[in-house]
């Protein structure tokens, strides 16, 4: 099996596109760092004094403001007071703020590239006419398919590691080494949550990985279903973007129908658990993981069963 996996990894990295995808990740991270540096401005070291002065100014304005404006002003005062109470600098800029606010957003690109290469994995063998040469080897079909899948998982993780490492290096160069444990406010459905910026970034990454595993499994399944590489990749990308839209719609549907909570789409983004404990009312992280595990078992079963019985005539 190890030799099969090694061979599949060699096939992946023999393609120029595999290296281009890694370069795209690095360029996206660099571009994000430059834009974040331009838009974030200079950090304010005397932020507490600035906020206190603003609160005092807002309080004076509230006394003279019309009734309809007082609500907005009071909300602003409460927000500014939270920064003081929780010791959160709203103007803080560091490499870890950049990692949490910008680099993590690059996971969307990582997922897209992983879907593209996973969708083309088996279908490209049919498109290139190499599927027969692949299956005449003295290995069972399931072993060959499993080696392909494992190599895709390894490459997807390489994409993630490339994003993290390049993001950290770019952050160090542009912003310097900031406070890993600096407090930030993260916006959740239930309101603002106080978190430490560095641990929060890695917590989001940890919650992102199961979603990446599921989405690549779907793309890999599509690759075994279609002989056309273009069709497999196209459907894979379509499923990726439609899933985020359906996830939002099913959130509203789940308010009326209990069964909607167990559809796959609301559970594909587990990073929300980095901000809150429950989704869809009463669904917790273990339930979401169980739902994803069930769908994952179905996708993998369909993939291997179909490939075992598939006619490889070209």
C-alpha atoms as a PDB file:
ATOM      1  CA  UNK A   1       0.000   0.000   0.000  1.00  0.00           C
ATOM      2  CA  UNK A   2       2.833   2.407   0.834  1.00  0.00           C
ATOM      3  CA  UNK A   3       4.359   1.913  -2.602  1.00  0.00           C
ATOM      4  CA  UNK A   4       0.978   2.598  -4.204  1.00  0.00           C
ATOM      5  CA  UNK A   5       0.531   5.794  -2.185  1.00  0.00           C
ATOM      6  CA  UNK A   6       4.064   6.897  -3.053  1.00  0.00           C
ATOM      7  CA  UNK A   7       3.356   6.281  -6.732  1.00  0.00           C
ATOM      8  CA  UNK A   8       0.126   8.287  -6.589  1.00  0.00           C
ATOM      9  CA  UNK A   9       1.874  11.187  -4.840  1.00  0.00           C
ATOM     10  CA  UNK A  10       4.528  11.159  -7.551  1.00  0.00           C
ATOM     11  CA  UNK A  11       1.787  11.328 -10.176  1.00  0.00           C
ATOM     12  CA  UNK A  12       0.217  14.294  -8.381  1.00  0.00           C
ATOM     13  CA  UNK A  13       3.457  16.256  -8.131  1.00  0.00           C
ATOM     14  CA  UNK A  14       4.479  15.419 -11.692  1.00  0.00           C
ATOM     15  CA  UNK A  15       1.617  17.664 -12.812  1.00  0.00           C
ATOM     16  CA  UNK A  16       2.472  21.346 -13.099  1.00  0.00           C
ATOM     17  CA  UNK A  17      -0.996  22.231 -11.841  1.00  0.00           C
ATOM     18  CA  UNK A  18      -0.245  20.696  -8.427  1.00  0.00           C
ATOM     19  CA  UNK A  19       2.696  23.077  -7.962  1.00  0.00           C
ATOM     20  CA  UNK A  20       0.710  25.978  -9.387  1.00  0.00           C
ATOM     21  CA  UNK A  21      -2.002  25.399  -6.761  1.00  0.00           C
ATOM     22  CA  UNK A  22       0.602  25.698  -3.994  1.00  0.00           C
ATOM     23  CA  UNK A  23       1.936  28.906  -5.558  1.00  0.00           C
ATOM     24  CA  UNK A  24      -1.614  30.280  -5.787  1.00  0.00           C
ATOM     25  CA  UNK A  25      -2.064  29.715  -2.045  1.00  0.00           C
ATOM     26  CA  UNK A  26       1.180  31.569  -1.271  1.00  0.00           C
ATOM     27  CA  UNK A  27       0.284  34.468  -3.599  1.00  0.00           C
ATOM     28  CA  UNK A  28      -3.196  34.734  -2.059  1.00  0.00           C
ATOM     29  CA  UNK A  29      -1.675  34.882   1.421  1.00  0.00           C
ATOM     30  CA  UNK A  30       0.832  37.570   0.349  1.00  0.00           C
ATOM     31  CA  UNK A  31      -1.889  39.637  -1.351  1.00  0.00           C
ATOM     32  CA  UNK A  32      -4.065  39.324   1.740  1.00  0.00           C
ATOM     33  CA  UNK A  33      -1.210  40.511   3.949  1.00  0.00           C
ATOM     34  CA  UNK A  34      -0.544  43.575   1.796  1.00  0.00           C
ATOM     35  CA  UNK A  35      -4.221  44.547   1.672  1.00  0.00           C
ATOM     36  CA  UNK A  36      -4.682  43.947   5.410  1.00  0.00           C
ATOM     37  CA  UNK A  37      -1.638  46.096   6.162  1.00  0.00           C
ATOM     38  CA  UNK A  38      -2.975  48.945   4.022  1.00  0.00           C
ATOM     39  CA  UNK A  39      -6.534  48.842   5.399  1.00  0.00           C
ATOM     40  CA  UNK A  40      -5.799  48.186   9.072  1.00  0.00           C
ATOM     41  CA  UNK A  41      -3.741  51.332   9.680  1.00  0.00           C
ATOM     42  CA  UNK A  42      -1.330  51.953  12.510  1.00  0.00           C
ATOM     43  CA  UNK A  43      -2.034  50.258  15.870  1.00  0.00           C
ATOM     44  CA  UNK A  44      -3.029  52.653  18.667  1.00  0.00           C
ATOM     45  CA  UNK A  45      -0.928  52.113  21.790  1.00  0.00           C
ATOM     46  CA  UNK A  46      -3.111  54.509  23.831  1.00  0.00           C
ATOM     47  CA  UNK A  47      -6.340  52.817  22.825  1.00  0.00           C
ATOM     48  CA  UNK A  48      -7.825  52.782  26.333  1.00  0.00           C
ATOM     49  CA  UNK A  49      -7.526  56.557  26.665  1.00  0.00           C
ATOM     50  CA  UNK A  50      -8.988  56.994  23.176  1.00  0.00           C
ATOM     51  CA  UNK A  51     -11.999  54.811  23.974  1.00  0.00           C
ATOM     52  CA  UNK A  52     -12.586  56.487  27.325  1.00  0.00           C
ATOM     53  CA  UNK A  53     -12.583  59.891  25.619  1.00  0.00           C
ATOM     54  CA  UNK A  54     -15.000  58.619  22.974  1.00  0.00           C
ATOM     55  CA  UNK A  55     -17.362  57.212  25.615  1.00  0.00           C
ATOM     56  CA  UNK A  56     -17.362  60.559  27.427  1.00  0.00           C
ATOM     57  CA  UNK A  57     -18.095  62.358  24.150  1.00  0.00           C
ATOM     58  CA  UNK A  58     -20.913  59.925  23.294  1.00  0.00           C
ATOM     59  CA  UNK A  59     -22.477  60.310  26.735  1.00  0.00           C
ATOM     60  CA  UNK A  60     -22.628  64.081  26.263  1.00  0.00           C
ATOM     61  CA  UNK A  61     -24.170  63.638  22.819  1.00  0.00           C
ATOM     62  CA  UNK A  62     -26.754  61.220  24.227  1.00  0.00           C
ATOM     63  CA  UNK A  63     -28.046  63.858  26.635  1.00  0.00           C
ATOM     64  CA  UNK A  64     -28.847  66.256  23.802  1.00  0.00           C
ATOM     65  CA  UNK A  65     -29.711  63.768  21.049  1.00  0.00           C
ATOM     66  CA  UNK A  66     -33.275  63.080  19.878  1.00  0.00           C
ATOM     67  CA  UNK A  67     -34.911  59.966  21.305  1.00  0.00           C
ATOM     68  CA  UNK A  68     -34.542  57.993  18.075  1.00  0.00           C
ATOM     69  CA  UNK A  69     -30.759  58.542  18.077  1.00  0.00           C
ATOM     70  CA  UNK A  70     -30.197  57.714  21.733  1.00  0.00           C
ATOM     71  CA  UNK A  71     -30.593  53.986  21.164  1.00  0.00           C
ATOM     72  CA  UNK A  72     -27.811  53.935  18.578  1.00  0.00           C
ATOM     73  CA  UNK A  73     -25.539  56.081  20.762  1.00  0.00           C
ATOM     74  CA  UNK A  74     -26.141  53.869  23.806  1.00  0.00           C
ATOM     75  CA  UNK A  75     -25.333  50.766  21.752  1.00  0.00           C
ATOM     76  CA  UNK A  76     -22.091  52.416  20.693  1.00  0.00           C
ATOM     77  CA  UNK A  77     -21.276  53.274  24.297  1.00  0.00           C
ATOM     78  CA  UNK A  78     -21.951  49.686  25.427  1.00  0.00           C
ATOM     79  CA  UNK A  79     -19.735  48.326  22.660  1.00  0.00           C
ATOM     80  CA  UNK A  80     -16.872  50.640  23.561  1.00  0.00           C
ATOM     81  CA  UNK A  81     -17.264  49.801  27.238  1.00  0.00           C
ATOM     82  CA  UNK A  82     -16.929  46.099  26.418  1.00  0.00           C
ATOM     83  CA  UNK A  83     -13.507  46.755  24.919  1.00  0.00           C
ATOM     84  CA  UNK A  84     -12.436  48.340  28.199  1.00  0.00           C
ATOM     85  CA  UNK A  85     -14.028  45.673  30.423  1.00  0.00           C
ATOM     86  CA  UNK A  86     -12.520  42.762  28.489  1.00  0.00           C
ATOM     87  CA  UNK A  87      -9.216  44.547  27.780  1.00  0.00           C
ATOM     88  CA  UNK A  88      -9.637  44.090  24.021  1.00  0.00           C
ATOM     89  CA  UNK A  89      -7.764  46.529  21.821  1.00  0.00           C
ATOM     90  CA  UNK A  90     -10.039  47.095  18.775  1.00  0.00           C
ATOM     91  CA  UNK A  91      -7.146  48.621  16.819  1.00  0.00           C
ATOM     92  CA  UNK A  92      -4.652  45.826  17.505  1.00  0.00           C
ATOM     93  CA  UNK A  93      -2.727  44.619  14.448  1.00  0.00           C
ATOM     94  CA  UNK A  94      -0.260  41.725  14.579  1.00  0.00           C
ATOM     95  CA  UNK A  95       0.730  38.638  12.680  1.00  0.00           C
ATOM     96  CA  UNK A  96      -1.809  36.619  14.701  1.00  0.00           C
ATOM     97  CA  UNK A  97      -4.637  39.038  13.969  1.00  0.00           C
ATOM     98  CA  UNK A  98      -3.674  38.704  10.318  1.00  0.00           C
ATOM     99  CA  UNK A  99      -3.654  34.899  10.605  1.00  0.00           C
ATOM    100  CA  UNK A 100      -7.098  34.843  12.228  1.00  0.00           C
ATOM    101  CA  UNK A 101      -8.745  37.517  10.077  1.00  0.00           C
ATOM    102  CA  UNK A 102      -7.136  36.948   6.673  1.00  0.00           C
ATOM    103  CA  UNK A 103      -5.178  33.705   6.406  1.00  0.00           C
ATOM    104  CA  UNK A 104      -8.047  31.600   7.724  1.00  0.00           C
ATOM    105  CA  UNK A 105     -10.251  33.063   4.998  1.00  0.00           C
ATOM    106  CA  UNK A 106      -7.893  31.450   2.478  1.00  0.00           C
ATOM    107  CA  UNK A 107      -9.342  28.065   3.477  1.00  0.00           C
ATOM    108  CA  UNK A 108     -12.066  28.746   0.902  1.00  0.00           C
ATOM    109  CA  UNK A 109      -9.382  28.706  -1.791  1.00  0.00           C
ATOM    110  CA  UNK A 110      -7.743  25.618  -0.268  1.00  0.00           C
ATOM    111  CA  UNK A 111     -11.071  23.765  -0.384  1.00  0.00           C
ATOM    112  CA  UNK A 112     -11.668  24.801  -3.986  1.00  0.00           C
ATOM    113  CA  UNK A 113      -8.245  23.569  -5.113  1.00  0.00           C
ATOM    114  CA  UNK A 114      -8.660  20.324  -3.152  1.00  0.00           C
ATOM    115  CA  UNK A 115     -12.029  19.772  -4.857  1.00  0.00           C
ATOM    116  CA  UNK A 116     -10.536  20.366  -8.296  1.00  0.00           C
ATOM    117  CA  UNK A 117      -7.708  17.876  -7.857  1.00  0.00           C
ATOM    118  CA  UNK A 118      -9.934  15.306  -6.109  1.00  0.00           C
ATOM    119  CA  UNK A 119     -12.626  15.534  -8.790  1.00  0.00           C
ATOM    120  CA  UNK A 120     -10.017  14.904 -11.487  1.00  0.00           C
ATOM    121  CA  UNK A 121      -8.232  12.046  -9.717  1.00  0.00           C
ATOM    122  CA  UNK A 122     -10.007   9.005 -11.199  1.00  0.00           C
ATOM    123  CA  UNK A 123     -11.828  10.708 -14.059  1.00  0.00           C
ATOM    124  CA  UNK A 124      -8.493  11.902 -15.484  1.00  0.00           C
ATOM    125  CA  UNK A 125      -7.369   8.250 -15.740  1.00  0.00           C
ATOM    126  CA  UNK A 126     -10.339   7.605 -18.021  1.00  0.00           C
ATOM    127  CA  UNK A 127      -9.807  10.860 -19.917  1.00  0.00           C
ATOM    128  CA  UNK A 128      -6.128  10.086 -20.499  1.00  0.00           C
ATOM    129  CA  UNK A 129      -6.780   6.418 -21.309  1.00  0.00           C
ATOM    130  CA  UNK A 130      -4.510   5.148 -18.515  1.00  0.00           C
ATOM    131  CA  UNK A 131      -7.160   3.412 -16.425  1.00  0.00           C
ATOM    132  CA  UNK A 132      -6.476  -0.033 -17.938  1.00  0.00           C
ATOM    133  CA  UNK A 133      -2.741   0.241 -17.302  1.00  0.00           C
ATOM    134  CA  UNK A 134      -3.548   1.215 -13.734  1.00  0.00           C
ATOM    135  CA  UNK A 135      -5.818  -1.769 -13.046  1.00  0.00           C
ATOM    136  CA  UNK A 136      -3.721  -4.516 -14.669  1.00  0.00           C
ATOM    137  CA  UNK A 137      -1.271  -4.250 -11.794  1.00  0.00           C
ATOM    138  CA  UNK A 138      -1.239  -7.128  -9.262  1.00  0.00           C
ATOM    139  CA  UNK A 139      -3.268  -5.149  -6.733  1.00  0.00           C
ATOM    140  CA  UNK A 140      -6.990  -5.311  -5.955  1.00  0.00           C
ATOM    141  CA  UNK A 141      -9.101  -2.437  -7.206  1.00  0.00           C
ATOM    142  CA  UNK A 142      -9.980  -1.268  -3.704  1.00  0.00           C
ATOM    143  CA  UNK A 143      -6.267  -0.946  -2.818  1.00  0.00           C
ATOM    144  CA  UNK A 144      -5.570   1.134  -5.920  1.00  0.00           C
ATOM    145  CA  UNK A 145      -8.543   3.388  -5.226  1.00  0.00           C
ATOM    146  CA  UNK A 146      -7.644   3.713  -1.545  1.00  0.00           C
ATOM    147  CA  UNK A 147      -4.079   4.709  -2.409  1.00  0.00           C
ATOM    148  CA  UNK A 148      -5.457   7.405  -4.700  1.00  0.00           C
ATOM    149  CA  UNK A 149      -7.730   8.684  -1.955  1.00  0.00           C
ATOM    150  CA  UNK A 150      -5.006   8.720   0.708  1.00  0.00           C
ATOM    151  CA  UNK A 151      -2.649  10.584  -1.627  1.00  0.00           C
ATOM    152  CA  UNK A 152      -5.362  13.194  -2.200  1.00  0.00           C
ATOM    153  CA  UNK A 153      -5.833  13.621   1.547  1.00  0.00           C
ATOM    154  CA  UNK A 154      -2.066  14.083   1.946  1.00  0.00           C
ATOM    155  CA  UNK A 155      -1.996  16.674  -0.830  1.00  0.00           C
ATOM    156  CA  UNK A 156      -4.978  18.519   0.678  1.00  0.00           C
ATOM    157  CA  UNK A 157      -3.155  18.654   4.017  1.00  0.00           C
ATOM    158  CA  UNK A 158      -0.074  19.967   2.208  1.00  0.00           C
ATOM    159  CA  UNK A 159      -2.264  22.787   0.875  1.00  0.00           C
ATOM    160  CA  UNK A 160      -3.397  23.574   4.433  1.00  0.00           C
ATOM    161  CA  UNK A 161       0.164  23.473   5.809  1.00  0.00           C
ATOM    162  CA  UNK A 162       1.353  25.698   2.944  1.00  0.00           C
ATOM    163  CA  UNK A 163      -1.350  28.208   3.815  1.00  0.00           C
ATOM    164  CA  UNK A 164      -0.437  28.223   7.529  1.00  0.00           C
ATOM    165  CA  UNK A 165       3.355  28.350   7.089  1.00  0.00           C
ATOM    166  CA  UNK A 166       3.309  30.988   4.351  1.00  0.00           C
ATOM    167  CA  UNK A 167       0.760  32.995   6.336  1.00  0.00           C
ATOM    168  CA  UNK A 168       2.921  32.915   9.445  1.00  0.00           C
ATOM    169  CA  UNK A 169       6.040  33.966   7.534  1.00  0.00           C
ATOM    170  CA  UNK A 170       4.239  36.748   5.680  1.00  0.00           C
ATOM    171  CA  UNK A 171       2.738  37.917   8.981  1.00  0.00           C
ATOM    172  CA  UNK A 172       6.163  38.012  10.627  1.00  0.00           C
ATOM    173  CA  UNK A 173       7.639  40.022   7.766  1.00  0.00           C
ATOM    174  CA  UNK A 174       4.830  42.571   7.531  1.00  0.00           C
ATOM    175  CA  UNK A 175       3.535  42.831  11.106  1.00  0.00           C
ATOM    176  CA  UNK A 176       6.267  41.347  13.296  1.00  0.00           C
ATOM    177  CA  UNK A 177       5.726  38.800  16.062  1.00  0.00           C
ATOM    178  CA  UNK A 178       2.635  39.816  18.034  1.00  0.00           C
ATOM    179  CA  UNK A 179       0.979  38.559  21.196  1.00  0.00           C
ATOM    180  CA  UNK A 180      -0.284  34.994  20.603  1.00  0.00           C
ATOM    181  CA  UNK A 181      -2.744  35.338  23.498  1.00  0.00           C
ATOM    182  CA  UNK A 182      -4.082  38.811  22.691  1.00  0.00           C
ATOM    183  CA  UNK A 183      -7.815  39.071  23.320  1.00  0.00           C
ATOM    184  CA  UNK A 184     -10.239  39.704  20.466  1.00  0.00           C
ATOM    185  CA  UNK A 185     -13.979  39.844  19.930  1.00  0.00           C
ATOM    186  CA  UNK A 186     -15.416  37.268  17.532  1.00  0.00           C
ATOM    187  CA  UNK A 187     -18.935  37.741  16.203  1.00  0.00           C
ATOM    188  CA  UNK A 188     -21.299  34.762  16.629  1.00  0.00           C
ATOM    189  CA  UNK A 189     -25.028  34.324  16.146  1.00  0.00           C
ATOM    190  CA  UNK A 190     -25.539  34.659  19.879  1.00  0.00           C
ATOM    191  CA  UNK A 191     -23.446  37.846  20.037  1.00  0.00           C
ATOM    192  CA  UNK A 192     -19.811  38.695  20.626  1.00  0.00           C
ATOM    193  CA  UNK A 193     -17.433  36.203  22.167  1.00  0.00           C
ATOM    194  CA  UNK A 194     -14.082  36.976  23.767  1.00  0.00           C
ATOM    195  CA  UNK A 195     -11.241  34.754  22.530  1.00  0.00           C
ATOM    196  CA  UNK A 196      -7.455  34.669  22.343  1.00  0.00           C
ATOM    197  CA  UNK A 197      -6.385  35.372  18.789  1.00  0.00           C
ATOM    198  CA  UNK A 198      -3.704  32.676  18.302  1.00  0.00           C
ATOM    199  CA  UNK A 199      -5.579  29.755  19.899  1.00  0.00           C
ATOM    200  CA  UNK A 200      -8.726  30.892  18.084  1.00  0.00           C
ATOM    201  CA  UNK A 201      -6.989  30.597  14.717  1.00  0.00           C
ATOM    202  CA  UNK A 202      -5.796  27.045  15.372  1.00  0.00           C
ATOM    203  CA  UNK A 203      -9.188  26.093  16.826  1.00  0.00           C
ATOM    204  CA  UNK A 204     -10.828  27.194  13.582  1.00  0.00           C
ATOM    205  CA  UNK A 205      -8.286  25.182  11.583  1.00  0.00           C
ATOM    206  CA  UNK A 206      -9.056  22.093  13.709  1.00  0.00           C
ATOM    207  CA  UNK A 207     -12.782  22.511  13.019  1.00  0.00           C
ATOM    208  CA  UNK A 208     -12.095  23.140   9.338  1.00  0.00           C
ATOM    209  CA  UNK A 209     -10.289  19.836   8.710  1.00  0.00           C
ATOM    210  CA  UNK A 210     -13.335  17.501   9.078  1.00  0.00           C
ATOM    211  CA  UNK A 211     -15.240  19.687   6.623  1.00  0.00           C
ATOM    212  CA  UNK A 212     -12.338  19.503   4.172  1.00  0.00           C
ATOM    213  CA  UNK A 213     -12.299  15.711   4.546  1.00  0.00           C
ATOM    214  CA  UNK A 214     -16.009  15.431   3.750  1.00  0.00           C
ATOM    215  CA  UNK A 215     -15.923  17.781   0.772  1.00  0.00           C
ATOM    216  CA  UNK A 216     -12.910  16.040  -0.758  1.00  0.00           C
ATOM    217  CA  UNK A 217     -14.708  12.711  -0.229  1.00  0.00           C
ATOM    218  CA  UNK A 218     -17.673  14.038  -2.210  1.00  0.00           C
ATOM    219  CA  UNK A 219     -15.344  15.276  -4.967  1.00  0.00           C
ATOM    220  CA  UNK A 220     -13.521  11.933  -5.027  1.00  0.00           C
ATOM    221  CA  UNK A 221     -16.836  10.079  -5.295  1.00  0.00           C
ATOM    222  CA  UNK A 222     -17.801  12.249  -8.271  1.00  0.00           C
ATOM    223  CA  UNK A 223     -14.449  11.439  -9.852  1.00  0.00           C
ATOM    224  CA  UNK A 224     -15.320   7.729  -9.822  1.00  0.00           C
ATOM    225  CA  UNK A 225     -18.837   8.324 -11.149  1.00  0.00           C
ATOM    226  CA  UNK A 226     -17.894  10.308 -14.250  1.00  0.00           C
ATOM    227  CA  UNK A 227     -15.472   9.329 -16.982  1.00  0.00           C
ATOM    228  CA  UNK A 228     -15.315  12.923 -18.174  1.00  0.00           C
ATOM    229  CA  UNK A 229     -12.731  14.910 -16.211  1.00  0.00           C
ATOM    230  CA  UNK A 230     -14.355  18.249 -17.099  1.00  0.00           C
ATOM    231  CA  UNK A 231     -17.772  17.010 -15.971  1.00  0.00           C
ATOM    232  CA  UNK A 232     -16.422  15.608 -12.703  1.00  0.00           C
ATOM    233  CA  UNK A 233     -14.564  18.825 -11.861  1.00  0.00           C
ATOM    234  CA  UNK A 234     -17.517  20.996 -12.894  1.00  0.00           C
ATOM    235  CA  UNK A 235     -19.994  19.064 -10.762  1.00  0.00           C
ATOM    236  CA  UNK A 236     -17.532  19.042  -7.862  1.00  0.00           C
ATOM    237  CA  UNK A 237     -17.147  22.827  -7.920  1.00  0.00           C
ATOM    238  CA  UNK A 238     -20.922  23.228  -8.301  1.00  0.00           C
ATOM    239  CA  UNK A 239     -21.554  21.070  -5.228  1.00  0.00           C
ATOM    240  CA  UNK A 240     -18.975  23.068  -3.253  1.00  0.00           C
ATOM    241  CA  UNK A 241     -20.620  26.428  -3.890  1.00  0.00           C
ATOM    242  CA  UNK A 242     -24.204  25.190  -3.689  1.00  0.00           C
ATOM    243  CA  UNK A 243     -23.520  23.557  -0.316  1.00  0.00           C
ATOM    244  CA  UNK A 244     -22.847  26.920   1.356  1.00  0.00           C
ATOM    245  CA  UNK A 245     -26.087  28.361  -0.056  1.00  0.00           C
ATOM    246  CA  UNK A 246     -28.154  25.346   0.964  1.00  0.00           C
ATOM    247  CA  UNK A 247     -26.611  25.418   4.425  1.00  0.00           C
ATOM    248  CA  UNK A 248     -28.100  28.856   5.016  1.00  0.00           C
ATOM    249  CA  UNK A 249     -31.507  27.845   3.657  1.00  0.00           C
ATOM    250  CA  UNK A 250     -31.670  24.695   5.759  1.00  0.00           C
ATOM    251  CA  UNK A 251     -31.009  26.737   8.901  1.00  0.00           C
ATOM    252  CA  UNK A 252     -34.396  28.375   8.344  1.00  0.00           C
ATOM    253  CA  UNK A 253     -35.992  25.079   7.307  1.00  0.00           C
ATOM    254  CA  UNK A 254     -34.791  23.428  10.521  1.00  0.00           C
ATOM    255  CA  UNK A 255     -36.916  25.820  12.555  1.00  0.00           C
ATOM    256  CA  UNK A 256     -40.016  24.032  11.244  1.00  0.00           C
ATOM    257  CA  UNK A 257     -38.826  20.490  10.478  1.00  0.00           C
ATOM    258  CA  UNK A 258     -36.713  18.386  12.845  1.00  0.00           C
ATOM    259  CA  UNK A 259     -35.384  16.143  10.060  1.00  0.00           C
ATOM    260  CA  UNK A 260     -33.751  19.117   8.324  1.00  0.00           C
ATOM    261  CA  UNK A 261     -31.222  19.300  11.169  1.00  0.00           C
ATOM    262  CA  UNK A 262     -29.685  16.026  10.009  1.00  0.00           C
ATOM    263  CA  UNK A 263     -29.067  17.002   6.399  1.00  0.00           C
ATOM    264  CA  UNK A 264     -25.377  17.328   5.612  1.00  0.00           C
ATOM    265  CA  UNK A 265     -25.228  20.956   4.510  1.00  0.00           C
ATOM    266  CA  UNK A 266     -25.595  22.784   7.873  1.00  0.00           C
ATOM    267  CA  UNK A 267     -22.814  20.602   9.313  1.00  0.00           C
ATOM    268  CA  UNK A 268     -20.231  21.203   6.604  1.00  0.00           C
ATOM    269  CA  UNK A 269     -18.972  24.356   8.329  1.00  0.00           C
ATOM    270  CA  UNK A 270     -17.870  23.224  11.779  1.00  0.00           C
ATOM    271  CA  UNK A 271     -15.874  26.406  12.388  1.00  0.00           C
ATOM    272  CA  UNK A 272     -19.025  27.952  13.820  1.00  0.00           C
ATOM    273  CA  UNK A 273     -18.368  25.819  16.923  1.00  0.00           C
ATOM    274  CA  UNK A 274     -15.282  27.935  17.535  1.00  0.00           C
ATOM    275  CA  UNK A 275     -17.728  30.752  18.270  1.00  0.00           C
ATOM    276  CA  UNK A 276     -20.675  28.996  19.908  1.00  0.00           C
ATOM    277  CA  UNK A 277     -21.615  25.662  21.460  1.00  0.00           C
ATOM    278  CA  UNK A 278     -24.774  24.870  19.485  1.00  0.00           C
ATOM    279  CA  UNK A 279     -26.267  25.321  16.024  1.00  0.00           C
ATOM    280  CA  UNK A 280     -29.815  24.855  14.763  1.00  0.00           C
ATOM    281  CA  UNK A 281     -31.129  25.287  18.276  1.00  0.00           C
ATOM    282  CA  UNK A 282     -29.839  22.182  20.050  1.00  0.00           C
ATOM    283  CA  UNK A 283     -27.253  20.541  17.760  1.00  0.00           C
ATOM    284  CA  UNK A 284     -23.827  20.234  19.414  1.00  0.00           C
ATOM    285  CA  UNK A 285     -20.403  19.409  17.972  1.00  0.00           C
ATOM    286  CA  UNK A 286     -20.547  15.637  18.737  1.00  0.00           C
ATOM    287  CA  UNK A 287     -23.899  15.402  16.918  1.00  0.00           C
ATOM    288  CA  UNK A 288     -22.513  17.285  13.905  1.00  0.00           C
ATOM    289  CA  UNK A 289     -19.470  14.997  13.806  1.00  0.00           C
ATOM    290  CA  UNK A 290     -21.743  11.941  13.998  1.00  0.00           C
ATOM    291  CA  UNK A 291     -23.883  13.248  11.136  1.00  0.00           C
ATOM    292  CA  UNK A 292     -20.791  13.901   9.012  1.00  0.00           C
ATOM    293  CA  UNK A 293     -19.369  10.466   9.858  1.00  0.00           C
ATOM    294  CA  UNK A 294     -22.573   8.789   8.641  1.00  0.00           C
ATOM    295  CA  UNK A 295     -22.551  10.691   5.366  1.00  0.00           C
ATOM    296  CA  UNK A 296     -18.829  10.038   4.984  1.00  0.00           C
ATOM    297  CA  UNK A 297     -19.426   6.279   5.356  1.00  0.00           C
ATOM    298  CA  UNK A 298     -22.140   6.438   2.687  1.00  0.00           C
ATOM    299  CA  UNK A 299     -19.967   8.412   0.255  1.00  0.00           C
ATOM    300  CA  UNK A 300     -16.990   6.114   0.696  1.00  0.00           C
ATOM    301  CA  UNK A 301     -19.133   2.981   0.379  1.00  0.00           C
ATOM    302  CA  UNK A 302     -20.695   4.221  -2.853  1.00  0.00           C
ATOM    303  CA  UNK A 303     -17.271   5.185  -4.203  1.00  0.00           C
ATOM    304  CA  UNK A 304     -15.600   1.837  -3.586  1.00  0.00           C
ATOM    305  CA  UNK A 305     -18.599  -0.327  -4.510  1.00  0.00           C
ATOM    306  CA  UNK A 306     -19.125   1.531  -7.783  1.00  0.00           C
ATOM    307  CA  UNK A 307     -15.432   1.399  -8.680  1.00  0.00           C
ATOM    308  CA  UNK A 308     -15.249  -2.331  -7.921  1.00  0.00           C
ATOM    309  CA  UNK A 309     -18.070  -3.075 -10.349  1.00  0.00           C
ATOM    310  CA  UNK A 310     -17.289  -0.460 -12.964  1.00  0.00           C
ATOM    311  CA  UNK A 311     -16.634  -1.413 -16.574  1.00  0.00           C
ATOM    312  CA  UNK A 312     -13.215   0.005 -17.485  1.00  0.00           C
ATOM    313  CA  UNK A 313     -13.615  -0.365 -21.243  1.00  0.00           C
ATOM    314  CA  UNK A 314     -12.664   2.830 -23.045  1.00  0.00           C
END
